PDB file of N, CA and C in Angstrom:
ATOM      1  N   MET A   1     -67.616 -96.695 274.326  1.00  0.00           N
ATOM      2  CA  MET A   1     -66.275 -97.910 274.211  1.00  0.00           C
ATOM      3  C   MET A   1     -66.523 -99.219 274.639  1.00  0.00           C
ATOM      4  N   LYS A   2     -67.439 -99.599 275.177  1.00  0.00           N
ATOM      5  CA  LYS A   2     -67.480-100.568 275.955  1.00  0.00           C
ATOM      6  C   LYS A   2     -67.070-101.591 275.939  1.00  0.00           C
ATOM      7  N   LYS A   3     -66.685-101.396 274.432  1.00  0.00           N
ATOM      8  CA  LYS A   3     -66.407-102.975 273.851  1.00  0.00           C
ATOM      9  C   LYS A   3     -64.708-102.795 274.236  1.00  0.00           C
ATOM     10  N   VAL A   4     -64.024-101.614 274.240  1.00  0.00           N
ATOM     11  CA  VAL A   4     -62.230-101.663 275.268  1.00  0.00           C
ATOM     12  C   VAL A   4     -62.417-102.211 276.813  1.00  0.00           C
ATOM     13  N   ARG A   5     -63.177-102.675 277.745  1.00  0.00           N
ATOM     14  CA  ARG A   5     -63.570-102.795 278.717  1.00  0.00           C
ATOM     15  C   ARG A   5     -62.853-104.485 278.617  1.00  0.00           C
ATOM     16  N   LYS A   6     -63.475-105.444 277.990  1.00  0.00           N
ATOM     17  CA  LYS A   6     -62.696-106.477 277.604  1.00  0.00           C
ATOM     18  C   LYS A   6     -61.272-107.084 277.615  1.00  0.00           C
ATOM     19  N   PRO A   7     -61.278-106.191 276.482  1.00  0.00           N
ATOM     20  CA  PRO A   7     -59.183-106.592 276.414  1.00  0.00           C
ATOM     21  C   PRO A   7     -58.841-105.894 277.151  1.00  0.00           C
ATOM     22  N   ILE A   8     -59.054-104.782 277.903  1.00  0.00           N
ATOM     23  CA  ILE A   8     -58.255-104.412 279.153  1.00  0.00           C
ATOM     24  C   ILE A   8     -58.439-105.432 280.305  1.00  0.00           C
ATOM     25  N   ILE A   9     -59.527-105.999 280.516  1.00  0.00           N
ATOM     26  CA  ILE A   9     -59.464-107.405 281.394  1.00  0.00           C
ATOM     27  C   ILE A   9     -58.010-108.436 281.332  1.00  0.00           C
ATOM     28  N   LEU A  10     -58.394-108.573 279.986  1.00  0.00           N
ATOM     29  CA  LEU A  10     -57.236-110.106 279.090  1.00  0.00           C
ATOM     30  C   LEU A  10     -55.940-109.126 279.533  1.00  0.00           C
ATOM     31  N   VAL A  11     -56.102-108.157 279.033  1.00  0.00           N
ATOM     32  CA  VAL A  11     -54.618-107.701 279.560  1.00  0.00           C
ATOM     33  C   VAL A  11     -54.286-108.245 280.683  1.00  0.00           C
ATOM     34  N   ILE A  12     -54.718-107.687 281.639  1.00  0.00           N
ATOM     35  CA  ILE A  12     -54.423-107.609 283.033  1.00  0.00           C
ATOM     36  C   ILE A  12     -54.662-109.075 283.505  1.00  0.00           C
ATOM     37  N   TYR A  13     -55.540-109.934 283.261  1.00  0.00           N
ATOM     38  CA  TYR A  13     -55.794-111.322 283.382  1.00  0.00           C
ATOM     39  C   TYR A  13     -55.843-112.413 282.769  1.00  0.00           C
ATOM     40  N   GLY A  14     -55.709-111.805 281.292  1.00  0.00           N
ATOM     41  CA  GLY A  14     -55.830-113.416 280.746  1.00  0.00           C
ATOM     42  C   GLY A  14     -54.170-114.279 280.389  1.00  0.00           C
ATOM     43  N   SER A  15     -54.234-115.305 279.578  1.00  0.00           N
ATOM     44  CA  SER A  15     -53.407-115.863 279.296  1.00  0.00           C
ATOM     45  C   SER A  15     -52.188-115.476 278.770  1.00  0.00           C
ATOM     46  N   PRO A  16     -51.347-116.063 278.190  1.00  0.00           N
ATOM     47  CA  PRO A  16     -50.060-115.439 277.663  1.00  0.00           C
ATOM     48  C   PRO A  16     -50.923-115.064 276.315  1.00  0.00           C
ATOM     49  N   THR A  17     -51.511-116.124 275.485  1.00  0.00           N
ATOM     50  CA  THR A  17     -51.872-115.451 274.070  1.00  0.00           C
ATOM     51  C   THR A  17     -53.113-114.510 273.943  1.00  0.00           C
ATOM     52  N   SER A  18     -54.391-113.940 274.751  1.00  0.00           N
ATOM     53  CA  SER A  18     -55.059-113.513 275.384  1.00  0.00           C
ATOM     54  C   SER A  18     -54.576-111.860 275.603  1.00  0.00           C
ATOM     55  N   VAL A  19     -53.557-111.937 276.546  1.00  0.00           N
ATOM     56  CA  VAL A  19     -52.528-110.846 276.831  1.00  0.00           C
ATOM     57  C   VAL A  19     -52.064-110.470 275.268  1.00  0.00           C
ATOM     58  N   THR A  20     -51.332-110.739 274.619  1.00  0.00           N
ATOM     59  CA  THR A  20     -51.054-110.815 273.348  1.00  0.00           C
ATOM     60  C   THR A  20     -51.992-110.008 272.332  1.00  0.00           C
ATOM     61  N   TYR A  21     -52.897-110.917 272.419  1.00  0.00           N
ATOM     62  CA  TYR A  21     -54.226-110.594 271.424  1.00  0.00           C
ATOM     63  C   TYR A  21     -54.576-109.308 271.599  1.00  0.00           C
ATOM     64  N   SER A  22     -54.979-108.680 273.222  1.00  0.00           N
ATOM     65  CA  SER A  22     -55.472-108.005 273.381  1.00  0.00           C
ATOM     66  C   SER A  22     -54.919-106.978 273.514  1.00  0.00           C
ATOM     67  N   ARG A  23     -53.665-106.783 273.904  1.00  0.00           N
ATOM     68  CA  ARG A  23     -53.030-105.645 273.296  1.00  0.00           C
ATOM     69  C   ARG A  23     -52.794-105.248 271.857  1.00  0.00           C
ATOM     70  N   LYS A  24     -53.126-105.763 271.224  1.00  0.00           N
ATOM     71  CA  LYS A  24     -52.996-105.452 269.911  1.00  0.00           C
ATOM     72  C   LYS A  24     -54.236-104.811 269.437  1.00  0.00           C
ATOM     73  N   VAL A  25     -55.391-105.166 269.671  1.00  0.00           N
ATOM     74  CA  VAL A  25     -56.958-104.318 269.691  1.00  0.00           C
ATOM     75  C   VAL A  25     -56.719-103.654 270.550  1.00  0.00           C
ATOM     76  N   ILE A  26     -56.400-103.552 271.742  1.00  0.00           N
ATOM     77  CA  ILE A  26     -56.163-101.882 272.281  1.00  0.00           C
ATOM     78  C   ILE A  26     -55.074-101.004 271.590  1.00  0.00           C
ATOM     79  N   GLY A  27     -54.270-101.338 270.883  1.00  0.00           N
ATOM     80  CA  GLY A  27     -53.213-100.506 270.568  1.00  0.00           C
ATOM     81  C   GLY A  27     -53.936-100.079 268.770  1.00  0.00           C
ATOM     82  N   LEU A  28     -55.170-100.484 268.656  1.00  0.00           N
ATOM     83  CA  LEU A  28     -55.923-100.087 267.537  1.00  0.00           C
ATOM     84  C   LEU A  28     -57.327 -98.560 267.876  1.00  0.00           C
ATOM     85  N   VAL A  29     -57.570 -98.530 269.067  1.00  0.00           N
ATOM     86  CA  VAL A  29     -58.632 -97.632 269.922  1.00  0.00           C
ATOM     87  C   VAL A  29     -57.791 -96.197 269.075  1.00  0.00           C
ATOM     88  N   ASP A  30     -58.545 -95.350 269.423  1.00  0.00           N
ATOM     89  CA  ASP A  30     -58.234 -93.842 268.710  1.00  0.00           C
ATOM     90  C   ASP A  30     -57.630 -93.514 270.601  1.00  0.00           C
ATOM     91  N   ARG A  31     -56.586 -93.248 270.092  1.00  0.00           N
ATOM     92  CA  ARG A  31     -54.747 -92.872 271.453  1.00  0.00           C
ATOM     93  C   ARG A  31     -55.610 -91.785 272.307  1.00  0.00           C
ATOM     94  N   LYS A  32     -55.934 -90.912 271.331  1.00  0.00           N
ATOM     95  CA  LYS A  32     -56.152 -89.506 272.748  1.00  0.00           C
ATOM     96  C   LYS A  32     -57.480 -90.258 273.607  1.00  0.00           C
ATOM     97  N   TRP A  33     -58.464 -90.870 273.003  1.00  0.00           N
ATOM     98  CA  TRP A  33     -59.805 -91.227 273.781  1.00  0.00           C
ATOM     99  C   TRP A  33     -59.046 -92.136 274.867  1.00  0.00           C
ATOM    100  N   LEU A  34     -57.964 -93.075 274.388  1.00  0.00           N
ATOM    101  CA  LEU A  34     -57.836 -94.398 275.330  1.00  0.00           C
ATOM    102  C   LEU A  34     -56.783 -93.531 276.312  1.00  0.00           C
ATOM    103  N   GLU A  35     -56.348 -92.653 275.709  1.00  0.00           N
ATOM    104  CA  GLU A  35     -55.412 -91.986 276.741  1.00  0.00           C
ATOM    105  C   GLU A  35     -56.487 -91.296 278.160  1.00  0.00           C
ATOM    106  N   GLU A  36     -57.277 -90.721 277.757  1.00  0.00           N
ATOM    107  CA  GLU A  36     -57.872 -89.843 278.489  1.00  0.00           C
ATOM    108  C   GLU A  36     -58.992 -91.018 279.609  1.00  0.00           C
ATOM    109  N   ASN A  37     -59.493 -92.029 278.909  1.00  0.00           N
ATOM    110  CA  ASN A  37     -60.146 -92.626 279.604  1.00  0.00           C
ATOM    111  C   ASN A  37     -59.659 -94.289 280.479  1.00  0.00           C
ATOM    112  N   ILE A  38     -58.166 -94.787 279.896  1.00  0.00           N
ATOM    113  CA  ILE A  38     -57.655 -96.037 280.156  1.00  0.00           C
ATOM    114  C   ILE A  38     -57.943 -96.837 281.644  1.00  0.00           C
ATOM    115  N   GLU A  39     -57.521 -95.383 282.463  1.00  0.00           N
ATOM    116  CA  GLU A  39     -57.364 -95.366 284.040  1.00  0.00           C
ATOM    117  C   GLU A  39     -58.884 -95.503 284.353  1.00  0.00           C
ATOM    118  N   SER A  40     -59.795 -95.189 283.917  1.00  0.00           N
ATOM    119  CA  SER A  40     -61.091 -95.281 284.514  1.00  0.00           C
ATOM    120  C   SER A  40     -61.431 -96.882 284.577  1.00  0.00           C
ATOM    121  N   TYR A  41     -61.282 -97.644 282.895  1.00  0.00           N
ATOM    122  CA  TYR A  41     -61.473 -99.098 283.015  1.00  0.00           C
ATOM    123  C   TYR A  41     -60.198 -99.690 283.522  1.00  0.00           C
ATOM    124  N   ILE A  42     -59.458 -99.166 283.988  1.00  0.00           N
ATOM    125  CA  ILE A  42     -58.604-100.237 284.561  1.00  0.00           C
ATOM    126  C   ILE A  42     -58.869-100.308 285.951  1.00  0.00           C
ATOM    127  N   GLU A  43     -59.444 -99.101 286.872  1.00  0.00           N
ATOM    128  CA  GLU A  43     -59.604 -98.833 288.006  1.00  0.00           C
ATOM    129  C   GLU A  43     -61.362-100.028 288.877  1.00  0.00           C
ATOM    130  N   GLN A  44     -61.600-100.493 287.422  1.00  0.00           N
ATOM    131  CA  GLN A  44     -63.023-100.810 287.853  1.00  0.00           C
ATOM    132  C   GLN A  44     -62.376-102.257 288.283  1.00  0.00           C
ATOM    133  N   ILE A  45     -61.216-102.982 287.149  1.00  0.00           N
ATOM    134  CA  ILE A  45     -60.932-104.367 287.566  1.00  0.00           C
ATOM    135  C   ILE A  45     -60.731-104.505 288.857  1.00  0.00           C
ATOM    136  N   PRO A  46     -61.559-105.364 289.447  1.00  0.00           N
ATOM    137  CA  PRO A  46     -61.262-106.120 290.914  1.00  0.00           C
ATOM    138  C   PRO A  46     -60.157-107.294 291.182  1.00  0.00           C
ATOM    139  N   VAL A  47     -59.757-107.049 292.224  1.00  0.00           N
ATOM    140  CA  VAL A  47     -58.357-107.545 292.484  1.00  0.00           C
ATOM    141  C   VAL A  47     -59.059-108.450 293.586  1.00  0.00           C
ATOM    142  N   LEU A  48     -59.237-109.917 292.763  1.00  0.00           N
ATOM    143  CA  LEU A  48     -59.834-111.106 293.175  1.00  0.00           C
ATOM    144  C   LEU A  48     -59.464-112.098 294.908  1.00  0.00           C
ATOM    145  N   GLU A  49     -57.997-111.787 294.692  1.00  0.00           N
ATOM    146  CA  GLU A  49     -56.680-112.734 294.816  1.00  0.00           C
ATOM    147  C   GLU A  49     -56.581-111.711 295.671  1.00  0.00           C
ATOM    148  N   PRO A  50     -55.468-112.120 296.920  1.00  0.00           N
ATOM    149  CA  PRO A  50     -54.449-110.827 297.479  1.00  0.00           C
ATOM    150  C   PRO A  50     -53.061-110.722 296.210  1.00  0.00           C
ATOM    151  N   ASP A  51     -52.527-112.262 295.825  1.00  0.00           N
ATOM    152  CA  ASP A  51     -51.677-112.136 294.665  1.00  0.00           C
ATOM    153  C   ASP A  51     -51.813-110.985 293.505  1.00  0.00           C
ATOM    154  N   ASP A  52     -53.232-111.128 292.867  1.00  0.00           N
ATOM    155  CA  ASP A  52     -53.905-110.242 292.012  1.00  0.00           C
ATOM    156  C   ASP A  52     -53.441-109.200 292.131  1.00  0.00           C
ATOM    157  N   GLU A  53     -53.012-108.025 292.821  1.00  0.00           N
ATOM    158  CA  GLU A  53     -52.737-106.885 293.021  1.00  0.00           C
ATOM    159  C   GLU A  53     -51.751-106.608 292.341  1.00  0.00           C
ATOM    160  N   GLU A  54     -50.438-107.654 292.752  1.00  0.00           N
ATOM    161  CA  GLU A  54     -48.791-107.216 292.134  1.00  0.00           C
ATOM    162  C   GLU A  54     -48.920-107.420 290.648  1.00  0.00           C
ATOM    163  N   TRP A  55     -49.769-108.781 290.285  1.00  0.00           N
ATOM    164  CA  TRP A  55     -49.958-109.372 288.828  1.00  0.00           C
ATOM    165  C   TRP A  55     -50.815-107.768 288.311  1.00  0.00           C
ATOM    166  N   LYS A  56     -51.871-107.195 288.719  1.00  0.00           N
ATOM    167  CA  LYS A  56     -52.625-105.916 288.131  1.00  0.00           C
ATOM    168  C   LYS A  56     -51.837-105.224 288.019  1.00  0.00           C
ATOM    169  N   ASN A  57     -50.696-104.746 288.904  1.00  0.00           N
ATOM    170  CA  ASN A  57     -49.805-103.513 288.505  1.00  0.00           C
ATOM    171  C   ASN A  57     -48.766-104.004 287.648  1.00  0.00           C
ATOM    172  N   ARG A  58     -48.724-104.421 287.709  1.00  0.00           N
ATOM    173  CA  ARG A  58     -47.565-104.824 286.652  1.00  0.00           C
ATOM    174  C   ARG A  58     -48.021-104.760 285.016  1.00  0.00           C
ATOM    175  N   ARG A  59     -48.900-105.565 284.972  1.00  0.00           N
ATOM    176  CA  ARG A  59     -49.897-105.561 283.644  1.00  0.00           C
ATOM    177  C   ARG A  59     -50.377-104.169 283.198  1.00  0.00           C
ATOM    178  N   VAL A  60     -50.611-103.420 284.139  1.00  0.00           N
ATOM    179  CA  VAL A  60     -50.378-102.162 283.588  1.00  0.00           C
ATOM    180  C   VAL A  60     -49.579-101.287 283.008  1.00  0.00           C
ATOM    181  N   ALA A  61     -48.358-101.340 283.531  1.00  0.00           N
ATOM    182  CA  ALA A  61     -47.217-101.054 283.929  1.00  0.00           C
ATOM    183  C   ALA A  61     -46.300-101.350 281.993  1.00  0.00           C
ATOM    184  N   GLU A  62     -46.460-102.488 281.719  1.00  0.00           N
ATOM    185  CA  GLU A  62     -46.595-103.251 280.901  1.00  0.00           C
ATOM    186  C   GLU A  62     -47.391-102.207 279.900  1.00  0.00           C
ATOM    187  N   LEU A  63     -48.596-102.427 279.817  1.00  0.00           N
ATOM    188  CA  LEU A  63     -49.335-102.117 278.538  1.00  0.00           C
ATOM    189  C   LEU A  63     -49.539-100.296 278.554  1.00  0.00           C
ATOM    190  N   TYR A  64     -49.023 -99.372 279.413  1.00  0.00           N
ATOM    191  CA  TYR A  64     -48.536 -97.971 279.758  1.00  0.00           C
ATOM    192  C   TYR A  64     -47.336 -97.982 278.623  1.00  0.00           C
ATOM    193  N   VAL A  65     -46.333 -98.825 278.753  1.00  0.00           N
ATOM    194  CA  VAL A  65     -45.062 -98.994 278.411  1.00  0.00           C
ATOM    195  C   VAL A  65     -45.126 -98.688 276.861  1.00  0.00           C
ATOM    196  N   GLN A  66     -46.288-100.220 276.719  1.00  0.00           N
ATOM    197  CA  GLN A  66     -46.334-100.835 274.727  1.00  0.00           C
ATOM    198  C   GLN A  66     -46.999 -99.155 273.971  1.00  0.00           C
ATOM    199  N   LEU A  67     -48.136 -99.063 274.902  1.00  0.00           N
ATOM    200  CA  LEU A  67     -48.748 -97.928 274.278  1.00  0.00           C
ATOM    201  C   LEU A  67     -48.453 -96.401 274.414  1.00  0.00           C
ATOM    202  N   GLU A  68     -47.089 -96.698 274.910  1.00  0.00           N
ATOM    203  CA  GLU A  68     -46.125 -95.150 275.074  1.00  0.00           C
ATOM    204  C   GLU A  68     -46.883 -94.020 275.615  1.00  0.00           C
ATOM    205  N   PHE A  69     -47.568 -94.229 276.704  1.00  0.00           N
ATOM    206  CA  PHE A  69     -48.341 -93.770 277.618  1.00  0.00           C
ATOM    207  C   PHE A  69     -47.485 -93.353 278.925  1.00  0.00           C
ATOM    208  N   LYS A  70     -46.587 -92.529 278.353  1.00  0.00           N
ATOM    209  CA  LYS A  70     -45.309 -92.025 279.614  1.00  0.00           C
ATOM    210  C   LYS A  70     -46.069 -91.287 280.697  1.00  0.00           C
ATOM    211  N   LYS A  71     -47.139 -90.293 280.670  1.00  0.00           N
ATOM    212  CA  LYS A  71     -47.488 -89.807 281.892  1.00  0.00           C
ATOM    213  C   LYS A  71     -48.521 -90.561 282.624  1.00  0.00           C
ATOM    214  N   LEU A  72     -48.890 -91.243 281.926  1.00  0.00           N
ATOM    215  CA  LEU A  72     -49.451 -92.443 282.612  1.00  0.00           C
ATOM    216  C   LEU A  72     -48.921 -93.214 283.574  1.00  0.00           C
ATOM    217  N   LEU A  73     -47.913 -93.896 282.425  1.00  0.00           N
ATOM    218  CA  LEU A  73     -46.487 -94.347 283.387  1.00  0.00           C
ATOM    219  C   LEU A  73     -46.087 -93.986 284.498  1.00  0.00           C
ATOM    220  N   ASN A  74     -45.495 -92.694 284.224  1.00  0.00           N
ATOM    221  CA  ASN A  74     -44.904 -92.266 285.781  1.00  0.00           C
ATOM    222  C   ASN A  74     -45.996 -91.875 286.921  1.00  0.00           C
ATOM    223  N   SER A  75     -47.077 -92.004 286.543  1.00  0.00           N
ATOM    224  CA  SER A  75     -47.930 -91.939 287.515  1.00  0.00           C
ATOM    225  C   SER A  75     -48.365 -93.257 288.319  1.00  0.00           C
ATOM    226  N   HIS A  76     -48.544 -94.165 287.651  1.00  0.00           N
ATOM    227  CA  HIS A  76     -48.466 -95.970 287.589  1.00  0.00           C
ATOM    228  C   HIS A  76     -47.349 -95.602 288.739  1.00  0.00           C
ATOM    229  N   LEU A  77     -45.981 -95.686 288.389  1.00  0.00           N
ATOM    230  CA  LEU A  77     -45.073 -95.953 289.392  1.00  0.00           C
ATOM    231  C   LEU A  77     -45.213 -94.956 290.202  1.00  0.00           C
ATOM    232  N   SER A  78     -45.593 -93.759 290.366  1.00  0.00           N
ATOM    233  CA  SER A  78     -45.159 -93.154 291.622  1.00  0.00           C
ATOM    234  C   SER A  78     -46.026 -93.870 292.466  1.00  0.00           C
ATOM    235  N   PHE A  79     -47.537 -93.883 292.015  1.00  0.00           N
ATOM    236  CA  PHE A  79     -48.215 -94.711 292.948  1.00  0.00           C
ATOM    237  C   PHE A  79     -48.023 -96.318 293.650  1.00  0.00           C
ATOM    238  N   CYS A  80     -46.975 -97.328 292.549  1.00  0.00           N
ATOM    239  CA  CYS A  80     -46.517 -98.122 293.386  1.00  0.00           C
ATOM    240  C   CYS A  80     -45.060 -98.108 293.870  1.00  0.00           C
ATOM    241  N   SER A  81     -44.399 -96.896 293.811  1.00  0.00           N
ATOM    242  CA  SER A  81     -43.059 -96.658 294.636  1.00  0.00           C
ATOM    243  C   SER A  81     -43.969 -96.343 296.035  1.00  0.00           C
ATOM    244  N   ASN A  82     -44.898 -95.860 296.194  1.00  0.00           N
ATOM    245  CA  ASN A  82     -45.326 -95.526 297.712  1.00  0.00           C
ATOM    246  C   ASN A  82     -46.418 -96.313 298.106  1.00  0.00           C
ATOM    247  N   HIS A  83     -46.641 -97.767 297.691  1.00  0.00           N
ATOM    248  CA  HIS A  83     -47.633 -98.473 298.098  1.00  0.00           C
ATOM    249  C   HIS A  83     -46.715 -99.793 299.150  1.00  0.00           C
ATOM    250  N   ASP A  84     -47.539-100.283 300.056  1.00  0.00           N
ATOM    251  CA  ASP A  84     -47.540-100.575 301.515  1.00  0.00           C
ATOM    252  C   ASP A  84     -46.520-102.156 300.837  1.00  0.00           C
ATOM    253  N   SER A  85     -46.949-102.680 299.645  1.00  0.00           N
ATOM    254  CA  SER A  85     -46.027-104.042 299.537  1.00  0.00           C
ATOM    255  C   SER A  85     -45.104-103.974 298.558  1.00  0.00           C
ATOM    256  N   LEU A  86     -44.075-104.660 299.190  1.00  0.00           N
ATOM    257  CA  LEU A  86     -42.405-104.655 298.527  1.00  0.00           C
ATOM    258  C   LEU A  86     -42.732-105.027 297.208  1.00  0.00           C
ATOM    259  N   GLU A  87     -43.457-105.638 296.663  1.00  0.00           N
ATOM    260  CA  GLU A  87     -43.655-106.239 295.788  1.00  0.00           C
ATOM    261  C   GLU A  87     -44.228-105.284 294.578  1.00  0.00           C
ATOM    262  N   ILE A  88     -45.474-104.219 295.282  1.00  0.00           N
ATOM    263  CA  ILE A  88     -45.442-104.010 294.392  1.00  0.00           C
ATOM    264  C   ILE A  88     -44.243-102.505 293.975  1.00  0.00           C
ATOM    265  N   ARG A  89     -43.695-101.899 294.982  1.00  0.00           N
ATOM    266  CA  ARG A  89     -42.869-101.232 294.898  1.00  0.00           C
ATOM    267  C   ARG A  89     -41.910-101.185 293.958  1.00  0.00           C
ATOM    268  N   GLU A  90     -41.228-102.722 294.037  1.00  0.00           N
ATOM    269  CA  GLU A  90     -40.221-103.279 292.985  1.00  0.00           C
ATOM    270  C   GLU A  90     -41.121-103.405 291.768  1.00  0.00           C
ATOM    271  N   ILE A  91     -42.211-102.768 291.483  1.00  0.00           N
ATOM    272  CA  ILE A  91     -42.380-102.672 289.945  1.00  0.00           C
ATOM    273  C   ILE A  91     -42.416-101.390 289.597  1.00  0.00           C
ATOM    274  N   ALA A  92     -42.169-100.661 290.678  1.00  0.00           N
ATOM    275  CA  ALA A  92     -41.629 -98.839 290.234  1.00  0.00           C
ATOM    276  C   ALA A  92     -40.043 -99.203 290.064  1.00  0.00           C
ATOM    277  N   GLU A  93     -39.768 -99.413 290.662  1.00  0.00           N
ATOM    278  CA  GLU A  93     -38.061 -99.683 290.309  1.00  0.00           C
ATOM    279  C   GLU A  93     -37.319-100.054 289.122  1.00  0.00           C
ATOM    280  N   ASP A  94     -38.231-101.747 288.708  1.00  0.00           N
ATOM    281  CA  ASP A  94     -37.954-102.384 287.538  1.00  0.00           C
ATOM    282  C   ASP A  94     -38.280-101.492 286.147  1.00  0.00           C
ATOM    283  N   TYR A  95     -39.496-100.794 286.634  1.00  0.00           N
ATOM    284  CA  TYR A  95     -39.692 -99.374 285.315  1.00  0.00           C
ATOM    285  C   TYR A  95     -38.950 -98.371 285.473  1.00  0.00           C
ATOM    286  N   ARG A  96     -38.464 -97.935 286.326  1.00  0.00           N
ATOM    287  CA  ARG A  96     -37.963 -96.978 286.430  1.00  0.00           C
ATOM    288  C   ARG A  96     -36.249 -97.234 285.865  1.00  0.00           C
ATOM    289  N   PHE A  97     -36.096 -98.085 285.852  1.00  0.00           N
ATOM    290  CA  PHE A  97     -34.510 -98.620 285.596  1.00  0.00           C
ATOM    291  C   PHE A  97     -34.629 -98.709 284.361  1.00  0.00           C
ATOM    292  N   SER A  98     -35.809 -99.147 283.577  1.00  0.00           N
ATOM    293  CA  SER A  98     -35.656 -99.438 282.205  1.00  0.00           C
ATOM    294  C   SER A  98     -36.227 -98.700 281.279  1.00  0.00           C
ATOM    295  N   ASN A  99     -36.581 -97.533 281.964  1.00  0.00           N
ATOM    296  CA  ASN A  99     -37.353 -96.580 280.705  1.00  0.00           C
ATOM    297  C   ASN A  99     -36.223 -95.098 280.946  1.00  0.00           C
TER     298      ASN A  99
END
């Protein structure tokens, strides 16, 4: 399922149009397979600039919400809540209040 990698990258770093389109494409992938494998794809996406880390983590949270992957979302929010960066800890706060 190498074809999944590019839409995942676009969900993280794409333009608003690319993000919307890529989320739809990812939603077509077998849910069980995606839930078991999406983290490894996300981990491979590099953080190129200091501000990218907050951006990447927020897009991941949005994707997990959209896909209704509650376990992955909770795990991700736990990671965010223990992060050194205030901006990334705020992601956990934002999503815990909205779920």
